[in-house]
Structure formats: C-alpha cells, structure tokens
Amino acid sequence: NYEPTDAVINGSLYWLANSTSALYRTDDPINGKWEIANPSLPEVGDPDLFVDTDGRVYFYYGLSNKDYIKGVELDVKNNLSPKGKSVNLFKGNPSKHGWENVLLHTAHII
C-alpha cells in the first residue's frame, strides 16, 4: 500500500494505508505484532491521522483537486471510530498551487 499515515495515540502506534479500511495498532512495532484496531474506517485517498495537543484525534482525507479535503474526529475510547459524519473542510486550488495540479504533478513523476 502507499500513502500511509501513522500516529502514536496513548502509547500505541497506529497505521492506516491509502484505500484500505483497516486501522492497525501495535504496542510492539519492533517485533511486528500488529492487530486490527478498527476494521471499518472509510476507504479513502491520502489518509492522515492527527493527534492534537489536547489528546483528541482527527482523521483527514482527500485526494482530488476538484473535491473537498474532509475530516472527522475519532473516538479514542471506542477503537478510533468516527464521532459523527465527515465534514467538507476545503477544496484545492490548482490554479494557485502547482502541487495541487494533477497533470503537473504527474509530469514531474514521469
């Protein structure tokens, strides 16, 4: 998988990859002992876990320069399940930011 995200939450390491729905957790990453913490997060592009300074955890995602970047707070007491529905946060602006232009970005990769 590609475009993964990870975060340390309450001493455990969490990992989620692009276009997968299972969120994995480990307390022992060196020995590779992982378990599924939440099997049903939405399958999304460019996932990101963010742990705020107050301990709240947010899940952001979005892959399109035409659609919204979305976000939802996760419930740290309930296997990091979404606390409600995702909300639209902002759209990309490819005419202002070249890195948001899919065609320009792809051309640099080739």
PDB file of N, CA and C in Angstrom:
ATOM      1  N   ASN A   1       0.821  -1.181   0.000  1.00  0.00           N
ATOM      2  CA  ASN A   1       0.000   0.000   0.000  1.00  0.00           C
ATOM      3  C   ASN A   1       0.867   1.248   0.000  1.00  0.00           C
ATOM      4  N   TYR A   2       0.304   2.334  -0.404  1.00  0.00           N
ATOM      5  CA  TYR A   2       1.039   3.583  -0.471  1.00  0.00           C
ATOM      6  C   TYR A   2       0.279   4.671   0.258  1.00  0.00           C
ATOM      7  N   GLU A   3       0.932   5.803   0.426  1.00  0.00           N
ATOM      8  CA  GLU A   3       0.376   6.953   1.132  1.00  0.00           C
ATOM      9  C   GLU A   3      -0.170   6.579   2.505  1.00  0.00           C
ATOM     10  N   PRO A   4       0.634   5.908   3.316  1.00  0.00           N
ATOM     11  CA  PRO A   4       0.141   5.548   4.649  1.00  0.00           C
ATOM     12  C   PRO A   4       0.228   6.727   5.610  1.00  0.00           C
ATOM     13  N   THR A   5      -0.452   6.572   6.721  1.00  0.00           N
ATOM     14  CA  THR A   5      -0.352   7.510   7.827  1.00  0.00           C
ATOM     15  C   THR A   5      -0.139   6.705   9.092  1.00  0.00           C
ATOM     16  N   ASP A   6       0.528   7.303  10.038  1.00  0.00           N
ATOM     17  CA  ASP A   6       0.694   6.652  11.330  1.00  0.00           C
ATOM     18  C   ASP A   6       0.666   7.718  12.421  1.00  0.00           C
ATOM     19  N   ALA A   7       0.393   7.259  13.626  1.00  0.00           N
ATOM     20  CA  ALA A   7       0.351   8.177  14.765  1.00  0.00           C
ATOM     21  C   ALA A   7       0.489   7.364  16.044  1.00  0.00           C
ATOM     22  N   VAL A   8       1.119   7.968  17.038  1.00  0.00           N
ATOM     23  CA  VAL A   8       1.175   7.369  18.368  1.00  0.00           C
ATOM     24  C   VAL A   8       0.035   7.967  19.173  1.00  0.00           C
ATOM     25  N   ILE A   9      -0.852   7.087  19.651  1.00  0.00           N
ATOM     26  CA  ILE A   9      -2.025   7.512  20.396  1.00  0.00           C
ATOM     27  C   ILE A   9      -2.075   6.696  21.677  1.00  0.00           C
ATOM     28  N   ASN A  10      -1.988   7.376  22.802  1.00  0.00           N
ATOM     29  CA  ASN A  10      -1.995   6.713  24.115  1.00  0.00           C
ATOM     30  C   ASN A  10      -0.954   5.600  24.209  1.00  0.00           C
ATOM     31  N   GLY A  11       0.216   5.831  23.640  1.00  0.00           N
ATOM     32  CA  GLY A  11       1.325   4.887  23.744  1.00  0.00           C
ATOM     33  C   GLY A  11       1.340   3.781  22.717  1.00  0.00           C
ATOM     34  N   SER A  12       0.315   3.658  21.888  1.00  0.00           N
ATOM     35  CA  SER A  12       0.275   2.642  20.835  1.00  0.00           C
ATOM     36  C   SER A  12       0.520   3.297  19.486  1.00  0.00           C
ATOM     37  N   LEU A  13       1.138   2.556  18.578  1.00  0.00           N
ATOM     38  CA  LEU A  13       1.364   3.028  17.224  1.00  0.00           C
ATOM     39  C   LEU A  13       0.224   2.542  16.340  1.00  0.00           C
ATOM     40  N   TYR A  14      -0.399   3.471  15.621  1.00  0.00           N
ATOM     41  CA  TYR A  14      -1.494   3.161  14.703  1.00  0.00           C
ATOM     42  C   TYR A  14      -1.024   3.408  13.279  1.00  0.00           C
ATOM     43  N   TRP A  15      -1.527   2.596  12.335  1.00  0.00           N
ATOM     44  CA  TRP A  15      -1.116   2.686  10.929  1.00  0.00           C
ATOM     45  C   TRP A  15      -2.316   2.423  10.035  1.00  0.00           C
ATOM     46  N   LEU A  16      -2.445   3.240   8.991  1.00  0.00           N
ATOM     47  CA  LEU A  16      -3.519   3.097   8.006  1.00  0.00           C
ATOM     48  C   LEU A  16      -2.956   3.479   6.645  1.00  0.00           C
ATOM     49  N   ALA A  17      -3.292   2.693   5.621  1.00  0.00           N
ATOM     50  CA  ALA A  17      -2.808   2.976   4.271  1.00  0.00           C
ATOM     51  C   ALA A  17      -3.937   3.479   3.385  1.00  0.00           C
ATOM     52  N   ASN A  18      -3.543   4.105   2.296  1.00  0.00           N
ATOM     53  CA  ASN A  18      -4.465   4.605   1.288  1.00  0.00           C
ATOM     54  C   ASN A  18      -5.371   3.480   0.780  1.00  0.00           C
ATOM     55  N   SER A  19      -6.647   3.770   0.644  1.00  0.00           N
ATOM     56  CA  SER A  19      -7.639   2.858   0.068  1.00  0.00           C
ATOM     57  C   SER A  19      -7.759   1.531   0.807  1.00  0.00           C
ATOM     58  N   THR A  20      -7.522   1.544   2.105  1.00  0.00           N
ATOM     59  CA  THR A  20      -7.815   0.391   2.942  1.00  0.00           C
ATOM     60  C   THR A  20      -8.698   0.867   4.073  1.00  0.00           C
ATOM     61  N   SER A  21      -9.448  -0.039   4.648  1.00  0.00           N
ATOM     62  CA  SER A  21     -10.366   0.392   5.701  1.00  0.00           C
ATOM     63  C   SER A  21      -9.911  -0.050   7.089  1.00  0.00           C
ATOM     64  N   ALA A  22      -8.935  -0.943   7.157  1.00  0.00           N
ATOM     65  CA  ALA A  22      -8.499  -1.447   8.464  1.00  0.00           C
ATOM     66  C   ALA A  22      -7.416  -0.552   9.048  1.00  0.00           C
ATOM     67  N   LEU A  23      -7.644  -0.130  10.280  1.00  0.00           N
ATOM     68  CA  LEU A  23      -6.669   0.636  11.050  1.00  0.00           C
ATOM     69  C   LEU A  23      -5.954  -0.343  11.975  1.00  0.00           C
ATOM     70  N   TYR A  24      -4.634  -0.399  11.864  1.00  0.00           N
ATOM     71  CA  TYR A  24      -3.836  -1.344  12.646  1.00  0.00           C
ATOM     72  C   TYR A  24      -3.201  -0.663  13.848  1.00  0.00           C
ATOM     73  N   ARG A  25      -2.951  -1.460  14.904  1.00  0.00           N
ATOM     74  CA  ARG A  25      -2.342  -0.951  16.134  1.00  0.00           C
ATOM     75  C   ARG A  25      -1.290  -1.947  16.617  1.00  0.00           C
ATOM     76  N   THR A  26      -0.216  -1.389  17.199  1.00  0.00           N
ATOM     77  CA  THR A  26       0.785  -2.229  17.833  1.00  0.00           C
ATOM     78  C   THR A  26       1.350  -1.528  19.054  1.00  0.00           C
ATOM     79  N   ASP A  27       1.697  -2.319  20.046  1.00  0.00           N
ATOM     80  CA  ASP A  27       2.467  -1.837  21.187  1.00  0.00           C
ATOM     81  C   ASP A  27       3.903  -2.344  21.081  1.00  0.00           C
ATOM     82  N   ASP A  28       4.175  -3.119  20.020  1.00  0.00           N
ATOM     83  CA  ASP A  28       5.484  -3.749  19.827  1.00  0.00           C
ATOM     84  C   ASP A  28       5.881  -3.717  18.349  1.00  0.00           C
ATOM     85  N   PRO A  29       6.144  -2.513  17.793  1.00  0.00           N
ATOM     86  CA  PRO A  29       6.456  -2.430  16.364  1.00  0.00           C
ATOM     87  C   PRO A  29       7.759  -3.113  15.980  1.00  0.00           C
ATOM     88  N   ILE A  30       8.703  -3.217  16.887  1.00  0.00           N
ATOM     89  CA  ILE A  30       9.985  -3.853  16.564  1.00  0.00           C
ATOM     90  C   ILE A  30       9.794  -5.324  16.222  1.00  0.00           C
ATOM     91  N   ASN A  31       8.923  -6.001  16.953  1.00  0.00           N
ATOM     92  CA  ASN A  31       8.671  -7.417  16.695  1.00  0.00           C
ATOM     93  C   ASN A  31       7.518  -7.655  15.725  1.00  0.00           C
ATOM     94  N   GLY A  32       6.902  -6.599  15.238  1.00  0.00           N
ATOM     95  CA  GLY A  32       5.869  -6.725  14.217  1.00  0.00           C
ATOM     96  C   GLY A  32       4.588  -7.374  14.675  1.00  0.00           C
ATOM     97  N   LYS A  33       4.227  -7.157  15.920  1.00  0.00           N
ATOM     98  CA  LYS A  33       2.977  -7.726  16.432  1.00  0.00           C
ATOM     99  C   LYS A  33       1.866  -6.693  16.289  1.00  0.00           C
ATOM    100  N   TRP A  34       1.102  -6.812  15.213  1.00  0.00           N
ATOM    101  CA  TRP A  34       0.041  -5.877  14.893  1.00  0.00           C
ATOM    102  C   TRP A  34      -1.315  -6.534  15.079  1.00  0.00           C
ATOM    103  N   GLU A  35      -2.323  -5.712  15.379  1.00  0.00           N
ATOM    104  CA  GLU A  35      -3.702  -6.172  15.436  1.00  0.00           C
ATOM    105  C   GLU A  35      -4.580  -5.128  14.770  1.00  0.00           C
ATOM    106  N   ILE A  36      -5.751  -5.528  14.352  1.00  0.00           N
ATOM    107  CA  ILE A  36      -6.685  -4.575  13.770  1.00  0.00           C
ATOM    108  C   ILE A  36      -7.390  -3.843  14.904  1.00  0.00           C
ATOM    109  N   ALA A  37      -7.214  -2.534  14.936  1.00  0.00           N
ATOM    110  CA  ALA A  37      -7.847  -1.705  15.965  1.00  0.00           C
ATOM    111  C   ALA A  37      -9.261  -1.313  15.550  1.00  0.00           C
ATOM    112  N   ASN A  38      -9.432  -1.056  14.270  1.00  0.00           N
ATOM    113  CA  ASN A  38     -10.741  -0.681  13.738  1.00  0.00           C
ATOM    114  C   ASN A  38     -10.801  -1.208  12.306  1.00  0.00           C
ATOM    115  N   PRO A  39     -11.703  -2.154  12.019  1.00  0.00           N
ATOM    116  CA  PRO A  39     -11.751  -2.750  10.686  1.00  0.00           C
ATOM    117  C   PRO A  39     -12.558  -1.953   9.671  1.00  0.00           C
ATOM    118  N   SER A  40     -13.171  -0.857  10.079  1.00  0.00           N
ATOM    119  CA  SER A  40     -14.134  -0.249   9.164  1.00  0.00           C
ATOM    120  C   SER A  40     -14.075   1.271   9.046  1.00  0.00           C
ATOM    121  N   LEU A  41     -12.869   1.828   8.981  1.00  0.00           N
ATOM    122  CA  LEU A  41     -12.789   3.243   8.611  1.00  0.00           C
ATOM    123  C   LEU A  41     -13.106   3.344   7.123  1.00  0.00           C
ATOM    124  N   PRO A  42     -13.540   4.499   6.636  1.00  0.00           N
ATOM    125  CA  PRO A  42     -13.843   4.601   5.203  1.00  0.00           C
ATOM    126  C   PRO A  42     -12.587   4.397   4.364  1.00  0.00           C
ATOM    127  N   GLU A  43     -12.743   3.709   3.222  1.00  0.00           N
ATOM    128  CA  GLU A  43     -11.633   3.567   2.277  1.00  0.00           C
ATOM    129  C   GLU A  43     -11.490   4.889   1.547  1.00  0.00           C
ATOM    130  N   VAL A  44     -10.347   5.537   1.730  1.00  0.00           N
ATOM    131  CA  VAL A  44     -10.167   6.894   1.219  1.00  0.00           C
ATOM    132  C   VAL A  44      -8.792   7.060   0.599  1.00  0.00           C
ATOM    133  N   GLY A  45      -8.604   8.182  -0.085  1.00  0.00           N
ATOM    134  CA  GLY A  45      -7.302   8.547  -0.616  1.00  0.00           C
ATOM    135  C   GLY A  45      -6.600   9.506   0.321  1.00  0.00           C
ATOM    136  N   ASP A  46      -5.301   9.363   0.421  1.00  0.00           N
ATOM    137  CA  ASP A  46      -4.460  10.234   1.235  1.00  0.00           C
ATOM    138  C   ASP A  46      -4.954  10.393   2.669  1.00  0.00           C
ATOM    139  N   PRO A  47      -5.014   9.307   3.435  1.00  0.00           N
ATOM    140  CA  PRO A  47      -5.470   9.424   4.827  1.00  0.00           C
ATOM    141  C   PRO A  47      -4.417  10.114   5.689  1.00  0.00           C
ATOM    142  N   ASP A  48      -4.871  10.767   6.741  1.00  0.00           N
ATOM    143  CA  ASP A  48      -3.958  11.377   7.697  1.00  0.00           C
ATOM    144  C   ASP A  48      -4.582  11.324   9.084  1.00  0.00           C
ATOM    145  N   LEU A  49      -3.815  10.834  10.047  1.00  0.00           N
ATOM    146  CA  LEU A  49      -4.217  10.860  11.447  1.00  0.00           C
ATOM    147  C   LEU A  49      -3.512  12.025  12.111  1.00  0.00           C
ATOM    148  N   PHE A  50      -4.240  12.806  12.870  1.00  0.00           N
ATOM    149  CA  PHE A  50      -3.669  13.955  13.555  1.00  0.00           C
ATOM    150  C   PHE A  50      -4.057  13.891  15.021  1.00  0.00           C
ATOM    151  N   VAL A  51      -3.065  13.913  15.890  1.00  0.00           N
ATOM    152  CA  VAL A  51      -3.302  13.920  17.333  1.00  0.00           C
ATOM    153  C   VAL A  51      -3.043  15.335  17.826  1.00  0.00           C
ATOM    154  N   ASP A  52      -4.075  15.979  18.332  1.00  0.00           N
ATOM    155  CA  ASP A  52      -3.954  17.350  18.809  1.00  0.00           C
ATOM    156  C   ASP A  52      -3.325  17.360  20.200  1.00  0.00           C
ATOM    157  N   THR A  53      -2.891  18.518  20.634  1.00  0.00           N
ATOM    158  CA  THR A  53      -2.233  18.641  21.933  1.00  0.00           C
ATOM    159  C   THR A  53      -3.162  18.330  23.097  1.00  0.00           C
ATOM    160  N   ASP A  54      -4.475  18.375  22.860  1.00  0.00           N
ATOM    161  CA  ASP A  54      -5.433  18.042  23.918  1.00  0.00           C
ATOM    162  C   ASP A  54      -5.791  16.557  23.930  1.00  0.00           C
ATOM    163  N   GLY A  55      -5.134  15.755  23.074  1.00  0.00           N
ATOM    164  CA  GLY A  55      -5.374  14.321  23.029  1.00  0.00           C
ATOM    165  C   GLY A  55      -6.471  13.894  22.075  1.00  0.00           C
ATOM    166  N   ARG A  56      -7.200  14.856  21.507  1.00  0.00           N
ATOM    167  CA  ARG A  56      -8.226  14.495  20.530  1.00  0.00           C
ATOM    168  C   ARG A  56      -7.556  14.066  19.233  1.00  0.00           C
ATOM    169  N   VAL A  57      -8.203  13.128  18.535  1.00  0.00           N
ATOM    170  CA  VAL A  57      -7.638  12.567  17.306  1.00  0.00           C
ATOM    171  C   VAL A  57      -8.582  12.858  16.150  1.00  0.00           C
ATOM    172  N   TYR A  58      -7.987  13.287  15.035  1.00  0.00           N
ATOM    173  CA  TYR A  58      -8.758  13.628  13.846  1.00  0.00           C
ATOM    174  C   TYR A  58      -8.264  12.806  12.671  1.00  0.00           C
ATOM    175  N   PHE A  59      -9.186  12.474  11.784  1.00  0.00           N
ATOM    176  CA  PHE A  59      -8.903  11.722  10.571  1.00  0.00           C
ATOM    177  C   PHE A  59      -9.234  12.626   9.392  1.00  0.00           C
ATOM    178  N   TYR A  60      -8.216  12.984   8.619  1.00  0.00           N
ATOM    179  CA  TYR A  60      -8.381  13.830   7.445  1.00  0.00           C
ATOM    180  C   TYR A  60      -8.096  12.995   6.215  1.00  0.00           C
ATOM    181  N   TYR A  61      -8.772  13.313   5.113  1.00  0.00           N
ATOM    182  CA  TYR A  61      -8.514  12.579   3.876  1.00  0.00           C
ATOM    183  C   TYR A  61      -9.012  13.371   2.681  1.00  0.00           C
ATOM    184  N   GLY A  62      -8.490  13.008   1.548  1.00  0.00           N
ATOM    185  CA  GLY A  62      -8.889  13.633   0.293  1.00  0.00           C
ATOM    186  C   GLY A  62      -7.760  13.553  -0.701  1.00  0.00           C
ATOM    187  N   LEU A  63      -8.105  13.289  -1.927  1.00  0.00           N
ATOM    188  CA  LEU A  63      -7.102  13.010  -2.941  1.00  0.00           C
ATOM    189  C   LEU A  63      -7.318  13.840  -4.192  1.00  0.00           C
ATOM    190  N   SER A  64      -8.417  14.516  -4.282  1.00  0.00           N
ATOM    191  CA  SER A  64      -8.796  15.195  -5.508  1.00  0.00           C
ATOM    192  C   SER A  64      -8.494  16.687  -5.433  1.00  0.00           C
ATOM    193  N   ASN A  65      -8.149  17.253  -6.575  1.00  0.00           N
ATOM    194  CA  ASN A  65      -8.013  18.715  -6.617  1.00  0.00           C
ATOM    195  C   ASN A  65      -9.338  19.364  -7.001  1.00  0.00           C
ATOM    196  N   LYS A  66     -10.394  18.538  -7.155  1.00  0.00           N
ATOM    197  CA  LYS A  66     -11.714  19.065  -7.502  1.00  0.00           C
ATOM    198  C   LYS A  66     -12.723  18.867  -6.381  1.00  0.00           C
ATOM    199  N   ASP A  67     -12.440  17.955  -5.481  1.00  0.00           N
ATOM    200  CA  ASP A  67     -13.363  17.669  -4.387  1.00  0.00           C
ATOM    201  C   ASP A  67     -12.771  18.215  -3.086  1.00  0.00           C
ATOM    202  N   TYR A  68     -13.511  18.093  -2.016  1.00  0.00           N
ATOM    203  CA  TYR A  68     -13.091  18.620  -0.731  1.00  0.00           C
ATOM    204  C   TYR A  68     -12.106  17.709  -0.010  1.00  0.00           C
ATOM    205  N   ILE A  69     -11.221  18.297   0.772  1.00  0.00           N
ATOM    206  CA  ILE A  69     -10.499  17.595   1.816  1.00  0.00           C
ATOM    207  C   ILE A  69     -11.516  17.479   2.947  1.00  0.00           C
ATOM    208  N   LYS A  70     -11.623  16.284   3.531  1.00  0.00           N
ATOM    209  CA  LYS A  70     -12.642  16.047   4.546  1.00  0.00           C
ATOM    210  C   LYS A  70     -11.994  15.670   5.866  1.00  0.00           C
ATOM    211  N   GLY A  71     -12.759  15.772   6.932  1.00  0.00           N
ATOM    212  CA  GLY A  71     -12.235  15.414   8.236  1.00  0.00           C
ATOM    213  C   GLY A  71     -13.334  14.996   9.188  1.00  0.00           C
ATOM    214  N   VAL A  72     -12.923  14.208  10.180  1.00  0.00           N
ATOM    215  CA  VAL A  72     -13.849  13.762  11.220  1.00  0.00           C
ATOM    216  C   VAL A  72     -13.034  13.477  12.472  1.00  0.00           C
ATOM    217  N   GLU A  73     -13.611  13.785  13.623  1.00  0.00           N
ATOM    218  CA  GLU A  73     -12.944  13.432  14.874  1.00  0.00           C
ATOM    219  C   GLU A  73     -13.148  11.941  15.135  1.00  0.00           C
ATOM    220  N   LEU A  74     -12.111  11.286  15.668  1.00  0.00           N
ATOM    221  CA  LEU A  74     -12.195   9.875  16.024  1.00  0.00           C
ATOM    222  C   LEU A  74     -12.327   9.735  17.532  1.00  0.00           C
ATOM    223  N   ASP A  75     -13.040   8.718  17.953  1.00  0.00           N
ATOM    224  CA  ASP A  75     -13.304   8.461  19.362  1.00  0.00           C
ATOM    225  C   ASP A  75     -12.195   7.582  19.939  1.00  0.00           C
ATOM    226  N   VAL A  76     -11.320   8.163  20.750  1.00  0.00           N
ATOM    227  CA  VAL A  76     -10.186   7.405  21.299  1.00  0.00           C
ATOM    228  C   VAL A  76     -10.631   6.338  22.293  1.00  0.00           C
ATOM    229  N   LYS A  77     -11.834   6.439  22.811  1.00  0.00           N
ATOM    230  CA  LYS A  77     -12.338   5.438  23.755  1.00  0.00           C
ATOM    231  C   LYS A  77     -13.129   4.334  23.068  1.00  0.00           C
ATOM    232  N   ASN A  78     -13.296   4.437  21.747  1.00  0.00           N
ATOM    233  CA  ASN A  78     -14.101   3.468  21.000  1.00  0.00           C
ATOM    234  C   ASN A  78     -13.377   3.028  19.727  1.00  0.00           C
ATOM    235  N   ASN A  79     -12.163   2.489  19.866  1.00  0.00           N
ATOM    236  CA  ASN A  79     -11.386   1.936  18.746  1.00  0.00           C
ATOM    237  C   ASN A  79     -11.181   2.918  17.598  1.00  0.00           C
ATOM    238  N   LEU A  80     -11.119   4.198  17.924  1.00  0.00           N
ATOM    239  CA  LEU A  80     -10.931   5.256  16.929  1.00  0.00           C
ATOM    240  C   LEU A  80     -12.016   5.238  15.864  1.00  0.00           C
ATOM    241  N   SER A  81     -13.242   4.995  16.279  1.00  0.00           N
ATOM    242  CA  SER A  81     -14.389   5.080  15.376  1.00  0.00           C
ATOM    243  C   SER A  81     -14.755   6.540  15.170  1.00  0.00           C
ATOM    244  N   PRO A  82     -15.259   6.902  13.982  1.00  0.00           N
ATOM    245  CA  PRO A  82     -15.671   8.285  13.747  1.00  0.00           C
ATOM    246  C   PRO A  82     -16.744   8.734  14.730  1.00  0.00           C
ATOM    247  N   LYS A  83     -16.605   9.975  15.204  1.00  0.00           N
ATOM    248  CA  LYS A  83     -17.589  10.578  16.117  1.00  0.00           C
ATOM    249  C   LYS A  83     -18.560  11.429  15.297  1.00  0.00           C
ATOM    250  N   GLY A  84     -19.274  10.794  14.415  1.00  0.00           N
ATOM    251  CA  GLY A  84     -20.200  11.523  13.552  1.00  0.00           C
ATOM    252  C   GLY A  84     -19.799  11.367  12.105  1.00  0.00           C
ATOM    253  N   LYS A  85     -20.324  12.252  11.291  1.00  0.00           N
ATOM    254  CA  LYS A  85     -20.064  12.210   9.852  1.00  0.00           C
ATOM    255  C   LYS A  85     -18.889  13.131   9.507  1.00  0.00           C
ATOM    256  N   SER A  86     -18.177  12.759   8.444  1.00  0.00           N
ATOM    257  CA  SER A  86     -17.105  13.619   7.936  1.00  0.00           C
ATOM    258  C   SER A  86     -17.686  14.938   7.443  1.00  0.00           C
ATOM    259  N   VAL A  87     -16.875  15.985   7.557  1.00  0.00           N
ATOM    260  CA  VAL A  87     -17.291  17.302   7.066  1.00  0.00           C
ATOM    261  C   VAL A  87     -16.339  17.769   5.973  1.00  0.00           C
ATOM    262  N   ASN A  88     -16.876  18.536   5.028  1.00  0.00           N
ATOM    263  CA  ASN A  88     -16.060  19.142   3.984  1.00  0.00           C
ATOM    264  C   ASN A  88     -15.290  20.300   4.606  1.00  0.00           C
ATOM    265  N   LEU A  89     -13.972  20.322   4.398  1.00  0.00           N
ATOM    266  CA  LEU A  89     -13.143  21.355   5.006  1.00  0.00           C
ATOM    267  C   LEU A  89     -12.730  22.434   4.008  1.00  0.00           C
ATOM    268  N   PHE A  90     -12.111  22.034   2.913  1.00  0.00           N
ATOM    269  CA  PHE A  90     -11.714  22.998   1.895  1.00  0.00           C
ATOM    270  C   PHE A  90     -11.400  22.256   0.612  1.00  0.00           C
ATOM    271  N   LYS A  91     -11.435  22.989  -0.490  1.00  0.00           N
ATOM    272  CA  LYS A  91     -11.089  22.426  -1.792  1.00  0.00           C
ATOM    273  C   LYS A  91      -9.686  22.870  -2.171  1.00  0.00           C
ATOM    274  N   GLY A  92      -9.089  22.110  -3.055  1.00  0.00           N
ATOM    275  CA  GLY A  92      -7.792  22.514  -3.597  1.00  0.00           C
ATOM    276  C   GLY A  92      -7.939  23.727  -4.495  1.00  0.00           C
ATOM    277  N   ASN A  93      -6.819  24.344  -4.816  1.00  0.00           N
ATOM    278  CA  ASN A  93      -6.800  25.496  -5.697  1.00  0.00           C
ATOM    279  C   ASN A  93      -5.632  25.314  -6.665  1.00  0.00           C
ATOM    280  N   PRO A  94      -5.787  24.408  -7.677  1.00  0.00           N
ATOM    281  CA  PRO A  94      -4.666  24.093  -8.557  1.00  0.00           C
ATOM    282  C   PRO A  94      -4.174  25.269  -9.397  1.00  0.00           C
ATOM    283  N   SER A  95      -5.018  26.277  -9.646  1.00  0.00           N
ATOM    284  CA  SER A  95      -4.540  27.426 -10.413  1.00  0.00           C
ATOM    285  C   SER A  95      -3.576  28.282  -9.590  1.00  0.00           C
ATOM    286  N   LYS A  96      -3.677  28.195  -8.260  1.00  0.00           N
ATOM    287  CA  LYS A  96      -2.799  28.963  -7.386  1.00  0.00           C
ATOM    288  C   LYS A  96      -1.627  28.118  -6.872  1.00  0.00           C
ATOM    289  N   HIS A  97      -1.871  26.835  -6.651  1.00  0.00           N
ATOM    290  CA  HIS A  97      -0.851  25.932  -6.102  1.00  0.00           C
ATOM    291  C   HIS A  97      -0.522  24.849  -7.119  1.00  0.00           C
ATOM    292  N   GLY A  98       0.629  24.914  -7.724  1.00  0.00           N
ATOM    293  CA  GLY A  98       1.028  23.934  -8.737  1.00  0.00           C
ATOM    294  C   GLY A  98       1.061  22.510  -8.236  1.00  0.00           C
ATOM    295  N   TRP A  99       1.387  22.329  -6.946  1.00  0.00           N
ATOM    296  CA  TRP A  99       1.454  20.975  -6.399  1.00  0.00           C
ATOM    297  C   TRP A  99       0.090  20.322  -6.312  1.00  0.00           C
ATOM    298  N   GLU A 100      -0.988  21.098  -6.455  1.00  0.00           N
ATOM    299  CA  GLU A 100      -2.342  20.540  -6.451  1.00  0.00           C
ATOM    300  C   GLU A 100      -2.827  20.217  -7.856  1.00  0.00           C
ATOM    301  N   ASN A 101      -2.041  20.549  -8.872  1.00  0.00           N
ATOM    302  CA  ASN A 101      -2.427  20.282 -10.249  1.00  0.00           C
ATOM    303  C   ASN A 101      -1.997  18.866 -10.606  1.00  0.00           C
ATOM    304  N   VAL A 102      -2.979  17.986 -10.788  1.00  0.00           N
ATOM    305  CA  VAL A 102      -2.700  16.567 -11.043  1.00  0.00           C
ATOM    306  C   VAL A 102      -1.824  16.379 -12.275  1.00  0.00           C
ATOM    307  N   LEU A 103      -2.094  17.091 -13.355  1.00  0.00           N
ATOM    308  CA  LEU A 103      -1.307  16.939 -14.578  1.00  0.00           C
ATOM    309  C   LEU A 103       0.134  17.386 -14.381  1.00  0.00           C
ATOM    310  N   LEU A 104       0.357  18.505 -13.721  1.00  0.00           N
ATOM    311  CA  LEU A 104       1.718  18.967 -13.465  1.00  0.00           C
ATOM    312  C   LEU A 104       2.442  18.011 -12.520  1.00  0.00           C
ATOM    313  N   HIS A 105       1.755  17.560 -11.499  1.00  0.00           N
ATOM    314  CA  HIS A 105       2.349  16.647 -10.526  1.00  0.00           C
ATOM    315  C   HIS A 105       2.756  15.341 -11.202  1.00  0.00           C
ATOM    316  N   THR A 106       1.893  14.795 -12.055  1.00  0.00           N
ATOM    317  CA  THR A 106       2.187  13.548 -12.757  1.00  0.00           C
ATOM    318  C   THR A 106       3.359  13.737 -13.704  1.00  0.00           C
ATOM    319  N   ALA A 107       3.431  14.886 -14.366  1.00  0.00           N
ATOM    320  CA  ALA A 107       4.518  15.126 -15.304  1.00  0.00           C
ATOM    321  C   ALA A 107       5.874  15.116 -14.605  1.00  0.00           C
ATOM    322  N   HIS A 108       5.939  15.573 -13.365  1.00  0.00           N
ATOM    323  CA  HIS A 108       7.196  15.575 -12.624  1.00  0.00           C
ATOM    324  C   HIS A 108       7.614  14.169 -12.200  1.00  0.00           C
ATOM    325  N   ILE A 109       6.643  13.285 -12.023  1.00  0.00           N
ATOM    326  CA  ILE A 109       6.944  11.917 -11.621  1.00  0.00           C
ATOM    327  C   ILE A 109       7.526  11.129 -12.789  1.00  0.00           C
ATOM    328  N   ILE A 110       7.034  11.380 -13.992  1.00  0.00           N
ATOM    329  CA  ILE A 110       7.470  10.624 -15.167  1.00  0.00           C
ATOM    330  C   ILE A 110       8.805  11.027 -15.575  1.00  0.00           C
TER     331      ILE A 110
END
